Amino acid sequence: MHPGWFVRGDIDGFFGLFVDNLLQLMLIAVLCTNVCGMPPELVYGKIMPGAALSILFGNAFYTWQARRLAIRTGRDDVTALPYGINTVSL
């Protein structure tokens, strides 16, 4: 079995997750520089790239896991868990 990569509703889910992660990254930048007083070189040179890579690789890993599960179980209704920065932990 080879499940498809995209199904109905994926575009909506993608943009919802994209906007949520974008807002979280913007909030991190504002809070780190204005509230915590961190230098912009640290925030934009280390923290933001690290957070962005974490989101990218986390979502890729969850996608890989979901695809493996779909192939192993023969199901076509498996979805990956959305990965991103949690507002509460921020």
PDB file of N, CA and C in Angstrom:
ATOM      1  N   MET A   1       0.840  -1.192   0.000  1.00  0.00           N
ATOM      2  CA  MET A   1       0.000   0.000   0.000  1.00  0.00           C
ATOM      3  C   MET A   1       0.879   1.247   0.000  1.00  0.00           C
ATOM      4  N   HIS A   2       0.507   2.195  -0.817  1.00  0.00           N
ATOM      5  CA  HIS A   2       1.218   3.465  -0.868  1.00  0.00           C
ATOM      6  C   HIS A   2       0.216   4.588  -0.656  1.00  0.00           C
ATOM      7  N   PRO A   3       0.121   5.102   0.572  1.00  0.00           N
ATOM      8  CA  PRO A   3      -0.840   6.181   0.834  1.00  0.00           C
ATOM      9  C   PRO A   3      -0.438   7.461   0.108  1.00  0.00           C
ATOM     10  N   GLY A   4      -1.435   8.278  -0.206  1.00  0.00           N
ATOM     11  CA  GLY A   4      -1.173   9.553  -0.857  1.00  0.00           C
ATOM     12  C   GLY A   4      -0.522  10.541   0.098  1.00  0.00           C
ATOM     13  N   TRP A   5       0.102  11.533  -0.477  1.00  0.00           N
ATOM     14  CA  TRP A   5       0.751  12.549   0.349  1.00  0.00           C
ATOM     15  C   TRP A   5      -0.220  13.634   0.789  1.00  0.00           C
ATOM     16  N   PHE A   6      -1.227  13.926  -0.010  1.00  0.00           N
ATOM     17  CA  PHE A   6      -2.161  14.996   0.310  1.00  0.00           C
ATOM     18  C   PHE A   6      -3.590  14.491   0.203  1.00  0.00           C
ATOM     19  N   VAL A   7      -4.407  14.936   1.126  1.00  0.00           N
ATOM     20  CA  VAL A   7      -5.835  14.630   1.092  1.00  0.00           C
ATOM     21  C   VAL A   7      -6.604  15.922   1.331  1.00  0.00           C
ATOM     22  N   ARG A   8      -7.914  15.819   1.171  1.00  0.00           N
ATOM     23  CA  ARG A   8      -8.770  16.981   1.372  1.00  0.00           C
ATOM     24  C   ARG A   8      -8.582  17.532   2.791  1.00  0.00           C
ATOM     25  N   GLY A   9      -8.429  18.815   2.904  1.00  0.00           N
ATOM     26  CA  GLY A   9      -8.264  19.456   4.203  1.00  0.00           C
ATOM     27  C   GLY A   9      -6.816  19.733   4.571  1.00  0.00           C
ATOM     28  N   ASP A  10      -5.861  19.198   3.804  1.00  0.00           N
ATOM     29  CA  ASP A  10      -4.457  19.416   4.131  1.00  0.00           C
ATOM     30  C   ASP A  10      -4.040  20.874   3.960  1.00  0.00           C
ATOM     31  N   ILE A  11      -4.560  21.539   2.948  1.00  0.00           N
ATOM     32  CA  ILE A  11      -4.201  22.947   2.725  1.00  0.00           C
ATOM     33  C   ILE A  11      -4.679  23.797   3.897  1.00  0.00           C
ATOM     34  N   ASP A  12      -5.891  23.563   4.348  1.00  0.00           N
ATOM     35  CA  ASP A  12      -6.431  24.292   5.496  1.00  0.00           C
ATOM     36  C   ASP A  12      -5.591  24.024   6.742  1.00  0.00           C
ATOM     37  N   GLY A  13      -5.253  22.770   6.968  1.00  0.00           N
ATOM     38  CA  GLY A  13      -4.426  22.413   8.117  1.00  0.00           C
ATOM     39  C   GLY A  13      -3.045  23.030   8.036  1.00  0.00           C
ATOM     40  N   PHE A  14      -2.465  23.038   6.841  1.00  0.00           N
ATOM     41  CA  PHE A  14      -1.140  23.625   6.656  1.00  0.00           C
ATOM     42  C   PHE A  14      -1.136  25.106   6.998  1.00  0.00           C
ATOM     43  N   PHE A  15      -2.101  25.850   6.459  1.00  0.00           N
ATOM     44  CA  PHE A  15      -2.116  27.283   6.717  1.00  0.00           C
ATOM     45  C   PHE A  15      -2.442  27.599   8.171  1.00  0.00           C
ATOM     46  N   GLY A  16      -3.285  26.788   8.799  1.00  0.00           N
ATOM     47  CA  GLY A  16      -3.555  26.977  10.222  1.00  0.00           C
ATOM     48  C   GLY A  16      -2.304  26.789  11.056  1.00  0.00           C
ATOM     49  N   LEU A  17      -1.558  25.725  10.792  1.00  0.00           N
ATOM     50  CA  LEU A  17      -0.319  25.461  11.524  1.00  0.00           C
ATOM     51  C   LEU A  17       0.743  26.502  11.190  1.00  0.00           C
ATOM     52  N   PHE A  18       0.827  26.908   9.915  1.00  0.00           N
ATOM     53  CA  PHE A  18       1.807  27.912   9.498  1.00  0.00           C
ATOM     54  C   PHE A  18       1.584  29.233  10.220  1.00  0.00           C
ATOM     55  N   VAL A  19       0.347  29.702  10.241  1.00  0.00           N
ATOM     56  CA  VAL A  19       0.035  30.978  10.895  1.00  0.00           C
ATOM     57  C   VAL A  19       0.299  30.886  12.394  1.00  0.00           C
ATOM     58  N   ASP A  20      -0.075  29.773  13.016  1.00  0.00           N
ATOM     59  CA  ASP A  20       0.170  29.596  14.445  1.00  0.00           C
ATOM     60  C   ASP A  20       1.662  29.636  14.751  1.00  0.00           C
ATOM     61  N   ASN A  21       2.467  28.902  13.996  1.00  0.00           N
ATOM     62  CA  ASN A  21       3.911  28.897  14.231  1.00  0.00           C
ATOM     63  C   ASN A  21       4.542  30.249  13.929  1.00  0.00           C
ATOM     64  N   LEU A  22       4.063  30.928  12.892  1.00  0.00           N
ATOM     65  CA  LEU A  22       4.581  32.254  12.567  1.00  0.00           C
ATOM     66  C   LEU A  22       4.313  33.234  13.705  1.00  0.00           C
ATOM     67  N   LEU A  23       3.102  33.207  14.245  1.00  0.00           N
ATOM     68  CA  LEU A  23       2.775  34.090  15.366  1.00  0.00           C
ATOM     69  C   LEU A  23       3.611  33.763  16.599  1.00  0.00           C
ATOM     70  N   GLN A  24       3.855  32.483  16.842  1.00  0.00           N
ATOM     71  CA  GLN A  24       4.689  32.096  17.982  1.00  0.00           C
ATOM     72  C   GLN A  24       6.116  32.612  17.814  1.00  0.00           C
ATOM     73  N   LEU A  25       6.669  32.503  16.617  1.00  0.00           N
ATOM     74  CA  LEU A  25       8.017  33.007  16.371  1.00  0.00           C
ATOM     75  C   LEU A  25       8.076  34.523  16.518  1.00  0.00           C
ATOM     76  N   MET A  26       7.045  35.215  16.051  1.00  0.00           N
ATOM     77  CA  MET A  26       7.002  36.668  16.214  1.00  0.00           C
ATOM     78  C   MET A  26       6.926  37.041  17.690  1.00  0.00           C
ATOM     79  N   LEU A  27       6.139  36.304  18.449  1.00  0.00           N
ATOM     80  CA  LEU A  27       6.012  36.554  19.880  1.00  0.00           C
ATOM     81  C   LEU A  27       7.332  36.302  20.598  1.00  0.00           C
ATOM     82  N   ILE A  28       8.033  35.252  20.222  1.00  0.00           N
ATOM     83  CA  ILE A  28       9.340  34.970  20.819  1.00  0.00           C
ATOM     84  C   ILE A  28      10.296  36.129  20.558  1.00  0.00           C
ATOM     85  N   ALA A  29      10.327  36.622  19.330  1.00  0.00           N
ATOM     86  CA  ALA A  29      11.231  37.720  18.981  1.00  0.00           C
ATOM     87  C   ALA A  29      10.925  38.966  19.797  1.00  0.00           C
ATOM     88  N   VAL A  30       9.653  39.308  19.913  1.00  0.00           N
ATOM     89  CA  VAL A  30       9.262  40.511  20.655  1.00  0.00           C
ATOM     90  C   VAL A  30       9.549  40.355  22.143  1.00  0.00           C
ATOM     91  N   LEU A  31       9.173  39.217  22.716  1.00  0.00           N
ATOM     92  CA  LEU A  31       9.383  39.016  24.149  1.00  0.00           C
ATOM     93  C   LEU A  31      10.861  38.949  24.512  1.00  0.00           C
ATOM     94  N   CYS A  32      11.645  38.269  23.701  1.00  0.00           N
ATOM     95  CA  CYS A  32      13.071  38.145  24.015  1.00  0.00           C
ATOM     96  C   CYS A  32      13.790  39.486  23.943  1.00  0.00           C
ATOM     97  N   THR A  33      13.483  40.286  22.936  1.00  0.00           N
ATOM     98  CA  THR A  33      14.190  41.561  22.784  1.00  0.00           C
ATOM     99  C   THR A  33      13.634  42.649  23.686  1.00  0.00           C
ATOM    100  N   ASN A  34      12.321  42.800  23.746  1.00  0.00           N
ATOM    101  CA  ASN A  34      11.736  43.924  24.476  1.00  0.00           C
ATOM    102  C   ASN A  34      11.512  43.651  25.954  1.00  0.00           C
ATOM    103  N   VAL A  35      11.091  42.458  26.313  1.00  0.00           N
ATOM    104  CA  VAL A  35      10.777  42.162  27.710  1.00  0.00           C
ATOM    105  C   VAL A  35      12.005  41.641  28.453  1.00  0.00           C
ATOM    106  N   CYS A  36      12.707  40.696  27.848  1.00  0.00           N
ATOM    107  CA  CYS A  36      13.862  40.082  28.516  1.00  0.00           C
ATOM    108  C   CYS A  36      15.160  40.844  28.273  1.00  0.00           C
ATOM    109  N   GLY A  37      15.163  41.750  27.315  1.00  0.00           N
ATOM    110  CA  GLY A  37      16.346  42.565  27.051  1.00  0.00           C
ATOM    111  C   GLY A  37      17.491  41.821  26.384  1.00  0.00           C
ATOM    112  N   MET A  38      17.196  40.754  25.693  1.00  0.00           N
ATOM    113  CA  MET A  38      18.250  40.007  25.000  1.00  0.00           C
ATOM    114  C   MET A  38      18.708  40.790  23.778  1.00  0.00           C
ATOM    115  N   PRO A  39      19.983  40.708  23.454  1.00  0.00           N
ATOM    116  CA  PRO A  39      20.471  41.431  22.268  1.00  0.00           C
ATOM    117  C   PRO A  39      19.891  40.826  20.985  1.00  0.00           C
ATOM    118  N   PRO A  40      19.578  41.676  20.018  1.00  0.00           N
ATOM    119  CA  PRO A  40      19.012  41.176  18.752  1.00  0.00           C
ATOM    120  C   PRO A  40      19.911  40.158  18.048  1.00  0.00           C
ATOM    121  N   GLU A  41      21.236  40.291  18.213  1.00  0.00           N
ATOM    122  CA  GLU A  41      22.149  39.335  17.585  1.00  0.00           C
ATOM    123  C   GLU A  41      21.897  37.920  18.106  1.00  0.00           C
ATOM    124  N   LEU A  42      21.603  37.803  19.392  1.00  0.00           N
ATOM    125  CA  LEU A  42      21.318  36.496  19.979  1.00  0.00           C
ATOM    126  C   LEU A  42      19.959  35.977  19.510  1.00  0.00           C
ATOM    127  N   VAL A  43      18.960  36.851  19.564  1.00  0.00           N
ATOM    128  CA  VAL A  43      17.598  36.438  19.216  1.00  0.00           C
ATOM    129  C   VAL A  43      17.505  36.037  17.748  1.00  0.00           C
ATOM    130  N   TYR A  44      17.995  36.896  16.859  1.00  0.00           N
ATOM    131  CA  TYR A  44      17.850  36.636  15.427  1.00  0.00           C
ATOM    132  C   TYR A  44      18.982  35.779  14.852  1.00  0.00           C
ATOM    133  N   GLY A  45      20.081  35.662  15.589  1.00  0.00           N
ATOM    134  CA  GLY A  45      21.206  34.868  15.107  1.00  0.00           C
ATOM    135  C   GLY A  45      21.223  33.445  15.613  1.00  0.00           C
ATOM    136  N   LYS A  46      20.639  33.208  16.793  1.00  0.00           N
ATOM    137  CA  LYS A  46      20.683  31.864  17.389  1.00  0.00           C
ATOM    138  C   LYS A  46      19.298  31.310  17.708  1.00  0.00           C
ATOM    139  N   ILE A  47      18.487  32.074  18.431  1.00  0.00           N
ATOM    140  CA  ILE A  47      17.204  31.561  18.927  1.00  0.00           C
ATOM    141  C   ILE A  47      16.212  31.326  17.791  1.00  0.00           C
ATOM    142  N   MET A  48      16.010  32.315  16.940  1.00  0.00           N
ATOM    143  CA  MET A  48      15.028  32.179  15.858  1.00  0.00           C
ATOM    144  C   MET A  48      15.399  31.075  14.858  1.00  0.00           C
ATOM    145  N   PRO A  49      16.656  31.015  14.395  1.00  0.00           N
ATOM    146  CA  PRO A  49      16.995  29.905  13.489  1.00  0.00           C
ATOM    147  C   PRO A  49      16.844  28.538  14.158  1.00  0.00           C
ATOM    148  N   GLY A  50      17.208  28.445  15.432  1.00  0.00           N
ATOM    149  CA  GLY A  50      17.054  27.181  16.151  1.00  0.00           C
ATOM    150  C   GLY A  50      15.599  26.772  16.283  1.00  0.00           C
ATOM    151  N   ALA A  51      14.744  27.735  16.612  1.00  0.00           N
ATOM    152  CA  ALA A  51      13.313  27.440  16.739  1.00  0.00           C
ATOM    153  C   ALA A  51      12.718  27.050  15.385  1.00  0.00           C
ATOM    154  N   ALA A  52      13.116  27.755  14.330  1.00  0.00           N
ATOM    155  CA  ALA A  52      12.594  27.446  12.992  1.00  0.00           C
ATOM    156  C   ALA A  52      13.034  26.053  12.533  1.00  0.00           C
ATOM    157  N   LEU A  53      14.295  25.702  12.768  1.00  0.00           N
ATOM    158  CA  LEU A  53      14.768  24.366  12.393  1.00  0.00           C
ATOM    159  C   LEU A  53      14.080  23.281  13.208  1.00  0.00           C
ATOM    160  N   SER A  54      13.834  23.577  14.476  1.00  0.00           N
ATOM    161  CA  SER A  54      13.131  22.610  15.322  1.00  0.00           C
ATOM    162  C   SER A  54      11.724  22.347  14.793  1.00  0.00           C
ATOM    163  N   ILE A  55      11.030  23.385  14.377  1.00  0.00           N
ATOM    164  CA  ILE A  55       9.682  23.228  13.814  1.00  0.00           C
ATOM    165  C   ILE A  55       9.740  22.440  12.505  1.00  0.00           C
ATOM    166  N   LEU A  56      10.692  22.774  11.653  1.00  0.00           N
ATOM    167  CA  LEU A  56      10.828  22.092  10.366  1.00  0.00           C
ATOM    168  C   LEU A  56      11.110  20.599  10.552  1.00  0.00           C
ATOM    169  N   PHE A  57      12.122  20.276  11.345  1.00  0.00           N
ATOM    170  CA  PHE A  57      12.496  18.869  11.524  1.00  0.00           C
ATOM    171  C   PHE A  57      11.469  18.106  12.350  1.00  0.00           C
ATOM    172  N   GLY A  58      10.831  18.771  13.312  1.00  0.00           N
ATOM    173  CA  GLY A  58       9.787  18.112  14.098  1.00  0.00           C
ATOM    174  C   GLY A  58       8.607  17.705  13.237  1.00  0.00           C
ATOM    175  N   ASN A  59       8.160  18.600  12.373  1.00  0.00           N
ATOM    176  CA  ASN A  59       7.046  18.271  11.471  1.00  0.00           C
ATOM    177  C   ASN A  59       7.445  17.203  10.453  1.00  0.00           C
ATOM    178  N   ALA A  60       8.675  17.263   9.957  1.00  0.00           N
ATOM    179  CA  ALA A  60       9.136  16.241   9.014  1.00  0.00           C
ATOM    180  C   ALA A  60       9.188  14.870   9.688  1.00  0.00           C
ATOM    181  N   PHE A  61       9.650  14.820  10.928  1.00  0.00           N
ATOM    182  CA  PHE A  61       9.725  13.552  11.653  1.00  0.00           C
ATOM    183  C   PHE A  61       8.337  12.981  11.906  1.00  0.00           C
ATOM    184  N   TYR A  62       7.401  13.825  12.333  1.00  0.00           N
ATOM    185  CA  TYR A  62       6.035  13.347  12.568  1.00  0.00           C
ATOM    186  C   TYR A  62       5.374  12.882  11.270  1.00  0.00           C
ATOM    187  N   THR A  63       5.676  13.544  10.165  1.00  0.00           N
ATOM    188  CA  THR A  63       5.150  13.116   8.870  1.00  0.00           C
ATOM    189  C   THR A  63       5.701  11.743   8.499  1.00  0.00           C
ATOM    190  N   TRP A  64       6.987  11.557   8.706  1.00  0.00           N
ATOM    191  CA  TRP A  64       7.622  10.268   8.429  1.00  0.00           C
ATOM    192  C   TRP A  64       7.005   9.158   9.282  1.00  0.00           C
ATOM    193  N   GLN A  65       6.784   9.446  10.581  1.00  0.00           N
ATOM    194  CA  GLN A  65       6.164   8.451  11.457  1.00  0.00           C
ATOM    195  C   GLN A  65       4.752   8.092  10.988  1.00  0.00           C
ATOM    196  N   ALA A  66       3.967   9.091  10.628  1.00  0.00           N
ATOM    197  CA  ALA A  66       2.594   8.837  10.181  1.00  0.00           C
ATOM    198  C   ALA A  66       2.587   8.033   8.888  1.00  0.00           C
ATOM    199  N   ARG A  67       3.475   8.338   7.992  1.00  0.00           N
ATOM    200  CA  ARG A  67       3.540   7.594   6.723  1.00  0.00           C
ATOM    201  C   ARG A  67       3.924   6.135   6.969  1.00  0.00           C
ATOM    202  N   ARG A  68       4.890   5.906   7.841  1.00  0.00           N
ATOM    203  CA  ARG A  68       5.275   4.526   8.177  1.00  0.00           C
ATOM    204  C   ARG A  68       4.113   3.770   8.804  1.00  0.00           C
ATOM    205  N   LEU A  69       3.374   4.440   9.703  1.00  0.00           N
ATOM    206  CA  LEU A  69       2.228   3.795  10.345  1.00  0.00           C
ATOM    207  C   LEU A  69       1.151   3.456   9.316  1.00  0.00           C
ATOM    208  N   ALA A  70       0.900   4.378   8.395  1.00  0.00           N
ATOM    209  CA  ALA A  70      -0.119   4.137   7.366  1.00  0.00           C
ATOM    210  C   ALA A  70       0.262   2.942   6.496  1.00  0.00           C
ATOM    211  N   ILE A  71       1.522   2.846   6.125  1.00  0.00           N
ATOM    212  CA  ILE A  71       1.970   1.726   5.293  1.00  0.00           C
ATOM    213  C   ILE A  71       1.908   0.423   6.084  1.00  0.00           C
ATOM    214  N   ARG A  72       2.359   0.457   7.333  1.00  0.00           N
ATOM    215  CA  ARG A  72       2.389  -0.762   8.147  1.00  0.00           C
ATOM    216  C   ARG A  72       0.997  -1.299   8.448  1.00  0.00           C
ATOM    217  N   THR A  73       0.046  -0.397   8.713  1.00  0.00           N
ATOM    218  CA  THR A  73      -1.302  -0.833   9.080  1.00  0.00           C
ATOM    219  C   THR A  73      -2.237  -0.948   7.887  1.00  0.00           C
ATOM    220  N   GLY A  74      -1.826  -0.423   6.732  1.00  0.00           N
ATOM    221  CA  GLY A  74      -2.678  -0.481   5.549  1.00  0.00           C
ATOM    222  C   GLY A  74      -3.844   0.488   5.599  1.00  0.00           C
ATOM    223  N   ARG A  75      -3.731   1.517   6.412  1.00  0.00           N
ATOM    224  CA  ARG A  75      -4.811   2.502   6.538  1.00  0.00           C
ATOM    225  C   ARG A  75      -4.478   3.745   5.728  1.00  0.00           C
ATOM    226  N   ASP A  76      -5.528   4.421   5.277  1.00  0.00           N
ATOM    227  CA  ASP A  76      -5.315   5.664   4.541  1.00  0.00           C
ATOM    228  C   ASP A  76      -5.868   6.869   5.293  1.00  0.00           C
ATOM    229  N   ASP A  77      -6.171   6.700   6.577  1.00  0.00           N
ATOM    230  CA  ASP A  77      -6.711   7.812   7.367  1.00  0.00           C
ATOM    231  C   ASP A  77      -5.780   8.210   8.513  1.00  0.00           C
ATOM    232  N   VAL A  78      -4.491   7.951   8.368  1.00  0.00           N
ATOM    233  CA  VAL A  78      -3.510   8.308   9.388  1.00  0.00           C
ATOM    234  C   VAL A  78      -3.044   9.732   9.123  1.00  0.00           C
ATOM    235  N   THR A  79      -2.885  10.498  10.181  1.00  0.00           N
ATOM    236  CA  THR A  79      -2.408  11.873  10.035  1.00  0.00           C
ATOM    237  C   THR A  79      -1.248  12.125  10.984  1.00  0.00           C
ATOM    238  N   ALA A  80      -0.398  13.056  10.632  1.00  0.00           N
ATOM    239  CA  ALA A  80       0.732  13.418  11.480  1.00  0.00           C
ATOM    240  C   ALA A  80       0.275  14.432  12.518  1.00  0.00           C
ATOM    241  N   LEU A  81       0.855  14.333  13.680  1.00  0.00           N
ATOM    242  CA  LEU A  81       0.576  15.287  14.742  1.00  0.00           C
ATOM    243  C   LEU A  81       1.213  16.627  14.378  1.00  0.00           C
ATOM    244  N   PRO A  82       0.476  17.734  14.440  1.00  0.00           N
ATOM    245  CA  PRO A  82       1.094  19.029  14.157  1.00  0.00           C
ATOM    246  C   PRO A  82       2.134  19.353  15.225  1.00  0.00           C
ATOM    247  N   TYR A  83       3.288  19.808  14.808  1.00  0.00           N
ATOM    248  CA  TYR A  83       4.388  20.111  15.715  1.00  0.00           C
ATOM    249  C   TYR A  83       4.652  21.605  15.679  1.00  0.00           C
ATOM    250  N   GLY A  84       4.826  22.201  16.828  1.00  0.00           N
ATOM    251  CA  GLY A  84       5.127  23.623  16.888  1.00  0.00           C
ATOM    252  C   GLY A  84       5.416  24.059  18.305  1.00  0.00           C
ATOM    253  N   ILE A  85       5.585  25.330  18.481  1.00  0.00           N
ATOM    254  CA  ILE A  85       5.884  25.908  19.783  1.00  0.00           C
ATOM    255  C   ILE A  85       4.576  26.105  20.531  1.00  0.00           C
ATOM    256  N   ASN A  86       4.546  25.636  21.756  1.00  0.00           N
ATOM    257  CA  ASN A  86       3.350  25.721  22.584  1.00  0.00           C
ATOM    258  C   ASN A  86       3.294  27.092  23.261  1.00  0.00           C
ATOM    259  N   THR A  87       2.183  27.775  23.145  1.00  0.00           N
ATOM    260  CA  THR A  87       2.038  29.102  23.742  1.00  0.00           C
ATOM    261  C   THR A  87       2.210  29.058  25.248  1.00  0.00           C
ATOM    262  N   VAL A  88       1.681  28.038  25.885  1.00  0.00           N
ATOM    263  CA  VAL A  88       1.759  27.945  27.342  1.00  0.00           C
ATOM    264  C   VAL A  88       3.199  27.798  27.800  1.00  0.00           C
ATOM    265  N   SER A  89       4.009  27.024  27.089  1.00  0.00           N
ATOM    266  CA  SER A  89       5.406  26.841  27.487  1.00  0.00           C
ATOM    267  C   SER A  89       6.264  28.036  27.121  1.00  0.00           C
ATOM    268  N   LEU A  90       5.763  28.913  26.279  1.00  0.00           N
ATOM    269  CA  LEU A  90       6.501  30.100  25.875  1.00  0.00           C
ATOM    270  C   LEU A  90       6.635  31.006  27.060  1.00  0.00           C
TER     271      LEU A  90
END
